[in-house]
Every structure is written in structure tokens, then in C-alpha cells.
Amino acid sequence: LHGKPLQLVVSTGGDRQAYSAQGYNRYPAADLL
């Protein structure tokens, strides 16, 4: 797999604000990935 790009396409029920330090989930989705 060396050198192959890996692209995640992830859907979340919560919006961007829900996935923030101040939001319901307390972490950005990118951090959880």
C-alpha cells in the first residue's frame, strides 16, 4: 500500500458545531478519525 492515497468520506449525524470543542461530542470529527 506504500504511496497510495487514502481518502476518508465520512458522514455524521451531528453538524460541524456538534463536532467541536464546545459541541455535543467535544472533539472535531477529524480528531476522532
Full PDB file with SEQRES, HELIX, SHEET, SSBOND, CRYST1, ORIGX, SCALE, CONECT and MASTER records, all heavy atoms in Angstrom:
SEQRES   1 A   33  LEU HIS GLY LYS PRO LEU GLN LEU VAL VAL SER THR GLY          
SEQRES   2 A   33  GLY ASP ARG GLN ALA TYR SER ALA GLN GLY TYR ASN ARG          
SEQRES   3 A   33  TYR PRO ALA ALA ASP LEU LEU                                  
HELIX    1 AA1 ALA A   29  LEU A   32  1                                   4    
CRYST1    1.000    1.000    1.000  90.00  90.00  90.00 P 1           1          
ORIGX1      1.000000  0.000000  0.000000        0.00000                         
ORIGX2      0.000000  1.000000  0.000000        0.00000                         
ORIGX3      0.000000  0.000000  1.000000        0.00000                         
SCALE1      1.000000  0.000000  0.000000        0.00000                         
SCALE2      0.000000  1.000000  0.000000        0.00000                         
SCALE3      0.000000  0.000000  1.000000        0.00000                         
ATOM      1  N   LEU A   1       0.808  -1.224   0.000  1.00  0.00           N  
ATOM      2  CA  LEU A   1       0.000   0.000   0.000  1.00  0.00           C  
ATOM      3  C   LEU A   1       0.843   1.277   0.000  1.00  0.00           C  
ATOM      4  O   LEU A   1       0.287   2.376  -0.045  1.00  0.00           O  
ATOM      5  CB  LEU A   1      -0.942   0.001   1.206  1.00  0.00           C  
ATOM      6  CG  LEU A   1      -1.873  -1.214   1.292  1.00  0.00           C  
ATOM      7  CD1 LEU A   1      -2.708  -1.161   2.555  1.00  0.00           C  
ATOM      8  CD2 LEU A   1      -2.744  -1.316   0.063  1.00  0.00           C  
ATOM      9  N   HIS A   2       2.149   1.127   0.024  1.00  0.00           N  
ATOM     10  CA  HIS A   2       3.034   2.298   0.107  1.00  0.00           C  
ATOM     11  C   HIS A   2       2.753   3.282  -1.021  1.00  0.00           C  
ATOM     12  O   HIS A   2       2.670   2.900  -2.185  1.00  0.00           O  
ATOM     13  CB  HIS A   2       4.493   1.867   0.062  1.00  0.00           C  
ATOM     14  CG  HIS A   2       4.988   1.359   1.374  1.00  0.00           C  
ATOM     15  ND1 HIS A   2       6.317   1.277   1.671  1.00  0.00           N  
ATOM     16  CD2 HIS A   2       4.342   0.917   2.472  1.00  0.00           C  
ATOM     17  CE1 HIS A   2       6.474   0.797   2.887  1.00  0.00           C  
ATOM     18  NE2 HIS A   2       5.278   0.568   3.396  1.00  0.00           N  
ATOM     19  N   GLY A   3       2.585   4.529  -0.627  1.00  0.00           N  
ATOM     20  CA  GLY A   3       2.411   5.605  -1.578  1.00  0.00           C  
ATOM     21  C   GLY A   3       1.004   5.785  -2.123  1.00  0.00           C  
ATOM     22  O   GLY A   3       0.742   6.744  -2.849  1.00  0.00           O  
ATOM     23  N   LYS A   4       0.088   4.898  -1.788  1.00  0.00           N  
ATOM     24  CA  LYS A   4      -1.284   5.029  -2.284  1.00  0.00           C  
ATOM     25  C   LYS A   4      -2.045   6.040  -1.429  1.00  0.00           C  
ATOM     26  O   LYS A   4      -1.991   5.987  -0.203  1.00  0.00           O  
ATOM     27  CB  LYS A   4      -2.013   3.686  -2.256  1.00  0.00           C  
ATOM     28  CG  LYS A   4      -1.420   2.681  -3.220  1.00  0.00           C  
ATOM     29  CD  LYS A   4      -2.231   1.417  -3.286  1.00  0.00           C  
ATOM     30  CE  LYS A   4      -1.537   0.436  -4.228  1.00  0.00           C  
ATOM     31  NZ  LYS A   4      -2.422  -0.631  -4.670  1.00  0.00           N  
ATOM     32  N   PRO A   5      -2.764   6.959  -2.066  1.00  0.00           N  
ATOM     33  CA  PRO A   5      -3.584   7.897  -1.290  1.00  0.00           C  
ATOM     34  C   PRO A   5      -4.735   7.180  -0.578  1.00  0.00           C  
ATOM     35  O   PRO A   5      -5.326   6.250  -1.132  1.00  0.00           O  
ATOM     36  CB  PRO A   5      -4.130   8.864  -2.345  1.00  0.00           C  
ATOM     37  CG  PRO A   5      -3.264   8.684  -3.544  1.00  0.00           C  
ATOM     38  CD  PRO A   5      -2.783   7.271  -3.491  1.00  0.00           C  
ATOM     39  N   LEU A   6      -5.026   7.625   0.635  1.00  0.00           N  
ATOM     40  CA  LEU A   6      -6.185   7.158   1.390  1.00  0.00           C  
ATOM     41  C   LEU A   6      -7.080   8.359   1.662  1.00  0.00           C  
ATOM     42  O   LEU A   6      -6.664   9.316   2.321  1.00  0.00           O  
ATOM     43  CB  LEU A   6      -5.785   6.519   2.720  1.00  0.00           C  
ATOM     44  CG  LEU A   6      -6.947   6.177   3.665  1.00  0.00           C  
ATOM     45  CD1 LEU A   6      -7.888   5.148   3.040  1.00  0.00           C  
ATOM     46  CD2 LEU A   6      -6.436   5.705   5.012  1.00  0.00           C  
ATOM     47  N   GLN A   7      -8.288   8.294   1.138  1.00  0.00           N  
ATOM     48  CA  GLN A   7      -9.282   9.350   1.320  1.00  0.00           C  
ATOM     49  C   GLN A   7     -10.453   8.798   2.123  1.00  0.00           C  
ATOM     50  O   GLN A   7     -11.046   7.803   1.723  1.00  0.00           O  
ATOM     51  CB  GLN A   7      -9.789   9.849  -0.037  1.00  0.00           C  
ATOM     52  CG  GLN A   7     -10.886  10.873   0.053  1.00  0.00           C  
ATOM     53  CD  GLN A   7     -10.390  12.191   0.605  1.00  0.00           C  
ATOM     54  OE1 GLN A   7      -9.580  12.865  -0.022  1.00  0.00           O  
ATOM     55  NE2 GLN A   7     -10.847  12.572   1.779  1.00  0.00           N  
ATOM     56  N   LEU A   8     -10.763   9.411   3.248  1.00  0.00           N  
ATOM     57  CA  LEU A   8     -11.965   9.059   4.002  1.00  0.00           C  
ATOM     58  C   LEU A   8     -13.089   9.980   3.571  1.00  0.00           C  
ATOM     59  O   LEU A   8     -12.890  11.190   3.424  1.00  0.00           O  
ATOM     60  CB  LEU A   8     -11.742   9.220   5.505  1.00  0.00           C  
ATOM     61  CG  LEU A   8     -10.634   8.401   6.157  1.00  0.00           C  
ATOM     62  CD1 LEU A   8     -10.630   8.657   7.661  1.00  0.00           C  
ATOM     63  CD2 LEU A   8     -10.771   6.926   5.872  1.00  0.00           C  
ATOM     64  N   VAL A   9     -14.273   9.398   3.395  1.00  0.00           N  
ATOM     65  CA  VAL A   9     -15.502  10.156   3.180  1.00  0.00           C  
ATOM     66  C   VAL A   9     -16.440   9.696   4.279  1.00  0.00           C  
ATOM     67  O   VAL A   9     -16.895   8.547   4.282  1.00  0.00           O  
ATOM     68  CB  VAL A   9     -16.109   9.898   1.785  1.00  0.00           C  
ATOM     69  CG1 VAL A   9     -17.438  10.624   1.647  1.00  0.00           C  
ATOM     70  CG2 VAL A   9     -15.133  10.323   0.689  1.00  0.00           C  
ATOM     71  N   VAL A  10     -16.688  10.570   5.228  1.00  0.00           N  
ATOM     72  CA  VAL A  10     -17.403  10.185   6.445  1.00  0.00           C  
ATOM     73  C   VAL A  10     -18.619  11.081   6.640  1.00  0.00           C  
ATOM     74  O   VAL A  10     -18.511  12.309   6.581  1.00  0.00           O  
ATOM     75  CB  VAL A  10     -16.470  10.287   7.674  1.00  0.00           C  
ATOM     76  CG1 VAL A  10     -17.196   9.880   8.944  1.00  0.00           C  
ATOM     77  CG2 VAL A  10     -15.218   9.433   7.463  1.00  0.00           C  
ATOM     78  N   SER A  11     -19.756  10.457   6.892  1.00  0.00           N  
ATOM     79  CA  SER A  11     -20.971  11.216   7.191  1.00  0.00           C  
ATOM     80  C   SER A  11     -21.241  11.145   8.690  1.00  0.00           C  
ATOM     81  O   SER A  11     -20.997  10.127   9.328  1.00  0.00           O  
ATOM     82  CB  SER A  11     -22.163  10.666   6.397  1.00  0.00           C  
ATOM     83  OG  SER A  11     -22.340   9.294   6.651  1.00  0.00           O  
ATOM     84  N   THR A  12     -21.706  12.274   9.218  1.00  0.00           N  
ATOM     85  CA  THR A  12     -22.039  12.345  10.649  1.00  0.00           C  
ATOM     86  C   THR A  12     -23.459  12.879  10.809  1.00  0.00           C  
ATOM     87  O   THR A  12     -23.885  13.754  10.054  1.00  0.00           O  
ATOM     88  CB  THR A  12     -21.069  13.271  11.417  1.00  0.00           C  
ATOM     89  OG1 THR A  12     -21.227  14.618  10.974  1.00  0.00           O  
ATOM     90  CG2 THR A  12     -19.626  12.838  11.257  1.00  0.00           C  
ATOM     91  N   GLY A  13     -24.152  12.359  11.789  1.00  0.00           N  
ATOM     92  CA  GLY A  13     -25.490  12.864  12.075  1.00  0.00           C  
ATOM     93  C   GLY A  13     -25.438  14.291  12.579  1.00  0.00           C  
ATOM     94  O   GLY A  13     -26.212  15.145  12.163  1.00  0.00           O  
ATOM     95  N   GLY A  14     -24.485  14.569  13.457  1.00  0.00           N  
ATOM     96  CA  GLY A  14     -24.329  15.910  14.002  1.00  0.00           C  
ATOM     97  C   GLY A  14     -23.647  16.842  13.027  1.00  0.00           C  
ATOM     98  O   GLY A  14     -22.863  16.411  12.176  1.00  0.00           O  
ATOM     99  N   ASP A  15     -23.919  18.116  13.174  1.00  0.00           N  
ATOM    100  CA  ASP A  15     -23.298  19.101  12.299  1.00  0.00           C  
ATOM    101  C   ASP A  15     -21.896  19.447  12.798  1.00  0.00           C  
ATOM    102  O   ASP A  15     -21.419  18.915  13.796  1.00  0.00           O  
ATOM    103  CB  ASP A  15     -24.176  20.349  12.169  1.00  0.00           C  
ATOM    104  CG  ASP A  15     -24.397  21.073  13.486  1.00  0.00           C  
ATOM    105  OD1 ASP A  15     -23.671  20.833  14.478  1.00  0.00           O  
ATOM    106  OD2 ASP A  15     -25.323  21.903  13.539  1.00  0.00           O  
ATOM    107  N   ARG A  16     -21.229  20.360  12.086  1.00  0.00           N  
ATOM    108  CA  ARG A  16     -19.859  20.742  12.416  1.00  0.00           C  
ATOM    109  C   ARG A  16     -19.761  21.266  13.850  1.00  0.00           C  
ATOM    110  O   ARG A  16     -18.801  20.996  14.560  1.00  0.00           O  
ATOM    111  CB  ARG A  16     -19.383  21.794  11.423  1.00  0.00           C  
ATOM    112  CG  ARG A  16     -17.933  22.163  11.564  1.00  0.00           C  
ATOM    113  CD  ARG A  16     -17.523  23.092  10.460  1.00  0.00           C  
ATOM    114  NE  ARG A  16     -18.110  22.623   9.218  1.00  0.00           N  
ATOM    115  CZ  ARG A  16     -17.454  22.357   8.112  1.00  0.00           C  
ATOM    116  NH1 ARG A  16     -16.179  22.567   8.067  1.00  0.00           N  
ATOM    117  NH2 ARG A  16     -18.065  21.928   7.037  1.00  0.00           N  
ATOM    118  N   GLN A  17     -20.750  22.035  14.297  1.00  0.00           N  
ATOM    119  CA  GLN A  17     -20.705  22.589  15.654  1.00  0.00           C  
ATOM    120  C   GLN A  17     -20.777  21.475  16.694  1.00  0.00           C  
ATOM    121  O   GLN A  17     -20.118  21.548  17.721  1.00  0.00           O  
ATOM    122  CB  GLN A  17     -21.853  23.585  15.839  1.00  0.00           C  
ATOM    123  CG  GLN A  17     -21.636  24.602  16.951  1.00  0.00           C  
ATOM    124  CD  GLN A  17     -21.739  24.028  18.357  1.00  0.00           C  
ATOM    125  OE1 GLN A  17     -22.544  23.137  18.632  1.00  0.00           O  
ATOM    126  NE2 GLN A  17     -20.911  24.526  19.255  1.00  0.00           N  
ATOM    127  N   ALA A  18     -21.548  20.432  16.424  1.00  0.00           N  
ATOM    128  CA  ALA A  18     -21.641  19.307  17.356  1.00  0.00           C  
ATOM    129  C   ALA A  18     -20.295  18.605  17.510  1.00  0.00           C  
ATOM    130  O   ALA A  18     -19.998  18.030  18.552  1.00  0.00           O  
ATOM    131  CB  ALA A  18     -22.705  18.316  16.896  1.00  0.00           C  
ATOM    132  N   TYR A  19     -19.483  18.663  16.459  1.00  0.00           N  
ATOM    133  CA  TYR A  19     -18.143  18.078  16.478  1.00  0.00           C  
ATOM    134  C   TYR A  19     -17.108  19.187  16.620  1.00  0.00           C  
ATOM    135  O   TYR A  19     -16.301  19.441  15.746  1.00  0.00           O  
ATOM    136  CB  TYR A  19     -17.893  17.250  15.211  1.00  0.00           C  
ATOM    137  CG  TYR A  19     -18.610  15.926  15.253  1.00  0.00           C  
ATOM    138  CD1 TYR A  19     -19.872  15.778  14.699  1.00  0.00           C  
ATOM    139  CD2 TYR A  19     -18.027  14.829  15.877  1.00  0.00           C  
ATOM    140  CE1 TYR A  19     -20.537  14.569  14.749  1.00  0.00           C  
ATOM    141  CE2 TYR A  19     -18.690  13.615  15.935  1.00  0.00           C  
ATOM    142  CZ  TYR A  19     -19.938  13.495  15.369  1.00  0.00           C  
ATOM    143  OH  TYR A  19     -20.597  12.289  15.429  1.00  0.00           O  
ATOM    144  N   SER A  20     -17.161  19.862  17.751  1.00  0.00           N  
ATOM    145  CA  SER A  20     -16.199  20.909  18.087  1.00  0.00           C  
ATOM    146  C   SER A  20     -15.931  20.837  19.582  1.00  0.00           C  
ATOM    147  O   SER A  20     -16.650  20.141  20.314  1.00  0.00           O  
ATOM    148  CB  SER A  20     -16.758  22.286  17.714  1.00  0.00           C  
ATOM    149  OG  SER A  20     -17.838  22.629  18.559  1.00  0.00           O  
ATOM    150  N   ALA A  21     -14.941  21.558  20.046  1.00  0.00           N  
ATOM    151  CA  ALA A  21     -14.598  21.556  21.471  1.00  0.00           C  
ATOM    152  C   ALA A  21     -15.773  22.019  22.324  1.00  0.00           C  
ATOM    153  O   ALA A  21     -15.948  21.568  23.457  1.00  0.00           O  
ATOM    154  CB  ALA A  21     -13.374  22.434  21.718  1.00  0.00           C  
ATOM    155  N   GLN A  22     -16.620  22.898  21.779  1.00  0.00           N  
ATOM    156  CA  GLN A  22     -17.764  23.413  22.516  1.00  0.00           C  
ATOM    157  C   GLN A  22     -19.041  22.612  22.245  1.00  0.00           C  
ATOM    158  O   GLN A  22     -20.056  22.842  22.887  1.00  0.00           O  
ATOM    159  CB  GLN A  22     -18.017  24.877  22.143  1.00  0.00           C  
ATOM    160  CG  GLN A  22     -16.883  25.815  22.450  1.00  0.00           C  
ATOM    161  CD  GLN A  22     -15.723  25.692  21.467  1.00  0.00           C  
ATOM    162  OE1 GLN A  22     -15.912  25.369  20.307  1.00  0.00           O  
ATOM    163  NE2 GLN A  22     -14.513  25.928  21.959  1.00  0.00           N  
ATOM    164  N   GLY A  23     -18.976  21.700  21.317  1.00  0.00           N  
ATOM    165  CA  GLY A  23     -20.176  20.986  20.897  1.00  0.00           C  
ATOM    166  C   GLY A  23     -20.465  19.730  21.700  1.00  0.00           C  
ATOM    167  O   GLY A  23     -19.720  19.336  22.613  1.00  0.00           O  
ATOM    168  N   TYR A  24     -21.530  19.095  21.326  1.00  0.00           N  
ATOM    169  CA  TYR A  24     -22.034  17.903  21.996  1.00  0.00           C  
ATOM    170  C   TYR A  24     -20.983  16.802  22.097  1.00  0.00           C  
ATOM    171  O   TYR A  24     -20.869  16.128  23.109  1.00  0.00           O  
ATOM    172  CB  TYR A  24     -23.263  17.413  21.220  1.00  0.00           C  
ATOM    173  CG  TYR A  24     -23.878  16.160  21.753  1.00  0.00           C  
ATOM    174  CD1 TYR A  24     -24.704  16.199  22.865  1.00  0.00           C  
ATOM    175  CD2 TYR A  24     -23.639  14.940  21.155  1.00  0.00           C  
ATOM    176  CE1 TYR A  24     -25.270  15.045  23.362  1.00  0.00           C  
ATOM    177  CE2 TYR A  24     -24.198  13.780  21.641  1.00  0.00           C  
ATOM    178  CZ  TYR A  24     -25.016  13.832  22.754  1.00  0.00           C  
ATOM    179  OH  TYR A  24     -25.564  12.689  23.246  1.00  0.00           O  
ATOM    180  N   ASN A  25     -20.212  16.597  21.037  1.00  0.00           N  
ATOM    181  CA  ASN A  25     -19.234  15.498  21.007  1.00  0.00           C  
ATOM    182  C   ASN A  25     -17.862  15.874  21.545  1.00  0.00           C  
ATOM    183  O   ASN A  25     -17.015  15.008  21.720  1.00  0.00           O  
ATOM    184  CB  ASN A  25     -19.116  14.974  19.578  1.00  0.00           C  
ATOM    185  CG  ASN A  25     -20.407  14.351  19.132  1.00  0.00           C  
ATOM    186  OD1 ASN A  25     -20.833  13.333  19.648  1.00  0.00           O  
ATOM    187  ND2 ASN A  25     -21.082  14.985  18.185  1.00  0.00           N  
ATOM    188  N   ARG A  26     -17.633  17.172  21.769  1.00  0.00           N  
ATOM    189  CA  ARG A  26     -16.434  17.716  22.407  1.00  0.00           C  
ATOM    190  C   ARG A  26     -15.139  17.622  21.606  1.00  0.00           C  
ATOM    191  O   ARG A  26     -14.120  18.103  22.060  1.00  0.00           O  
ATOM    192  CB  ARG A  26     -16.219  17.090  23.778  1.00  0.00           C  
ATOM    193  CG  ARG A  26     -17.422  17.279  24.663  1.00  0.00           C  
ATOM    194  CD  ARG A  26     -17.048  17.382  26.056  1.00  0.00           C  
ATOM    195  NE  ARG A  26     -18.252  17.614  26.833  1.00  0.00           N  
ATOM    196  CZ  ARG A  26     -18.280  17.619  28.109  1.00  0.00           C  
ATOM    197  NH1 ARG A  26     -17.189  17.411  28.771  1.00  0.00           N  
ATOM    198  NH2 ARG A  26     -19.399  17.839  28.746  1.00  0.00           N  
ATOM    199  N   TYR A  27     -15.160  17.004  20.461  1.00  0.00           N  
ATOM    200  CA  TYR A  27     -13.961  16.887  19.626  1.00  0.00           C  
ATOM    201  C   TYR A  27     -14.350  17.075  18.166  1.00  0.00           C  
ATOM    202  O   TYR A  27     -15.419  16.638  17.748  1.00  0.00           O  
ATOM    203  CB  TYR A  27     -13.310  15.505  19.770  1.00  0.00           C  
ATOM    204  CG  TYR A  27     -12.861  15.195  21.159  1.00  0.00           C  
ATOM    205  CD1 TYR A  27     -13.667  14.460  22.022  1.00  0.00           C  
ATOM    206  CD2 TYR A  27     -11.620  15.629  21.618  1.00  0.00           C  
ATOM    207  CE1 TYR A  27     -13.250  14.170  23.305  1.00  0.00           C  
ATOM    208  CE2 TYR A  27     -11.197  15.335  22.909  1.00  0.00           C  
ATOM    209  CZ  TYR A  27     -12.018  14.605  23.743  1.00  0.00           C  
ATOM    210  OH  TYR A  27     -11.601  14.326  25.009  1.00  0.00           O  
ATOM    211  N   PRO A  28     -13.458  17.658  17.373  1.00  0.00           N  
ATOM    212  CA  PRO A  28     -13.714  17.711  15.933  1.00  0.00           C  
ATOM    213  C   PRO A  28     -13.694  16.298  15.346  1.00  0.00           C  
ATOM    214  O   PRO A  28     -12.927  15.435  15.799  1.00  0.00           O  
ATOM    215  CB  PRO A  28     -12.541  18.539  15.387  1.00  0.00           C  
ATOM    216  CG  PRO A  28     -11.957  19.234  16.567  1.00  0.00           C  
ATOM    217  CD  PRO A  28     -12.252  18.385  17.761  1.00  0.00           C  
ATOM    218  N   ALA A  29     -14.504  16.059  14.346  1.00  0.00           N  
ATOM    219  CA  ALA A  29     -14.551  14.732  13.717  1.00  0.00           C  
ATOM    220  C   ALA A  29     -13.170  14.329  13.205  1.00  0.00           C  
ATOM    221  O   ALA A  29     -12.781  13.152  13.321  1.00  0.00           O  
ATOM    222  CB  ALA A  29     -15.574  14.723  12.585  1.00  0.00           C  
ATOM    223  N   ALA A  30     -12.415  15.263  12.666  1.00  0.00           N  
ATOM    224  CA  ALA A  30     -11.078  14.930  12.153  1.00  0.00           C  
ATOM    225  C   ALA A  30     -10.184  14.363  13.256  1.00  0.00           C  
ATOM    226  O   ALA A  30      -9.386  13.454  13.012  1.00  0.00           O  
ATOM    227  CB  ALA A  30     -10.430  16.149  11.512  1.00  0.00           C  
ATOM    228  N   ASP A  31     -10.314  14.868  14.478  1.00  0.00           N  
ATOM    229  CA  ASP A  31      -9.536  14.331  15.592  1.00  0.00           C  
ATOM    230  C   ASP A  31      -9.971  12.912  15.935  1.00  0.00           C  
ATOM    231  O   ASP A  31      -9.147  12.060  16.255  1.00  0.00           O  
ATOM    232  CB  ASP A  31      -9.677  15.208  16.839  1.00  0.00           C  
ATOM    233  CG  ASP A  31      -8.949  16.535  16.724  1.00  0.00           C  
ATOM    234  OD1 ASP A  31      -8.298  16.789  15.685  1.00  0.00           O  
ATOM    235  OD2 ASP A  31      -9.048  17.326  17.682  1.00  0.00           O  
ATOM    236  N   LEU A  32     -11.256  12.666  15.859  1.00  0.00           N  
ATOM    237  CA  LEU A  32     -11.774  11.335  16.179  1.00  0.00           C  
ATOM    238  C   LEU A  32     -11.404  10.302  15.109  1.00  0.00           C  
ATOM    239  O   LEU A  32     -11.474   9.101  15.358  1.00  0.00           O  
ATOM    240  CB  LEU A  32     -13.287  11.396  16.372  1.00  0.00           C  
ATOM    241  CG  LEU A  32     -13.726  12.258  17.565  1.00  0.00           C  
ATOM    242  CD1 LEU A  32     -15.224  12.515  17.520  1.00  0.00           C  
ATOM    243  CD2 LEU A  32     -13.330  11.606  18.878  1.00  0.00           C  
ATOM    244  N   LEU A  33     -10.975  10.769  13.951  1.00  0.00           N  
ATOM    245  CA  LEU A  33     -10.561   9.885  12.865  1.00  0.00           C  
ATOM    246  C   LEU A  33      -9.055   9.613  12.871  1.00  0.00           C  
ATOM    247  O   LEU A  33      -8.540   8.946  11.967  1.00  0.00           O  
ATOM    248  CB  LEU A  33     -10.983  10.481  11.521  1.00  0.00           C  
ATOM    249  CG  LEU A  33     -12.493  10.515  11.283  1.00  0.00           C  
ATOM    250  CD1 LEU A  33     -12.823  11.384  10.076  1.00  0.00           C  
ATOM    251  CD2 LEU A  33     -13.047   9.109  11.116  1.00  0.00           C  
TER     252      LEU A  33                                                      
MASTER        0    0    0    1    0    0    0    6  251    1    0    3          
END                                                                             
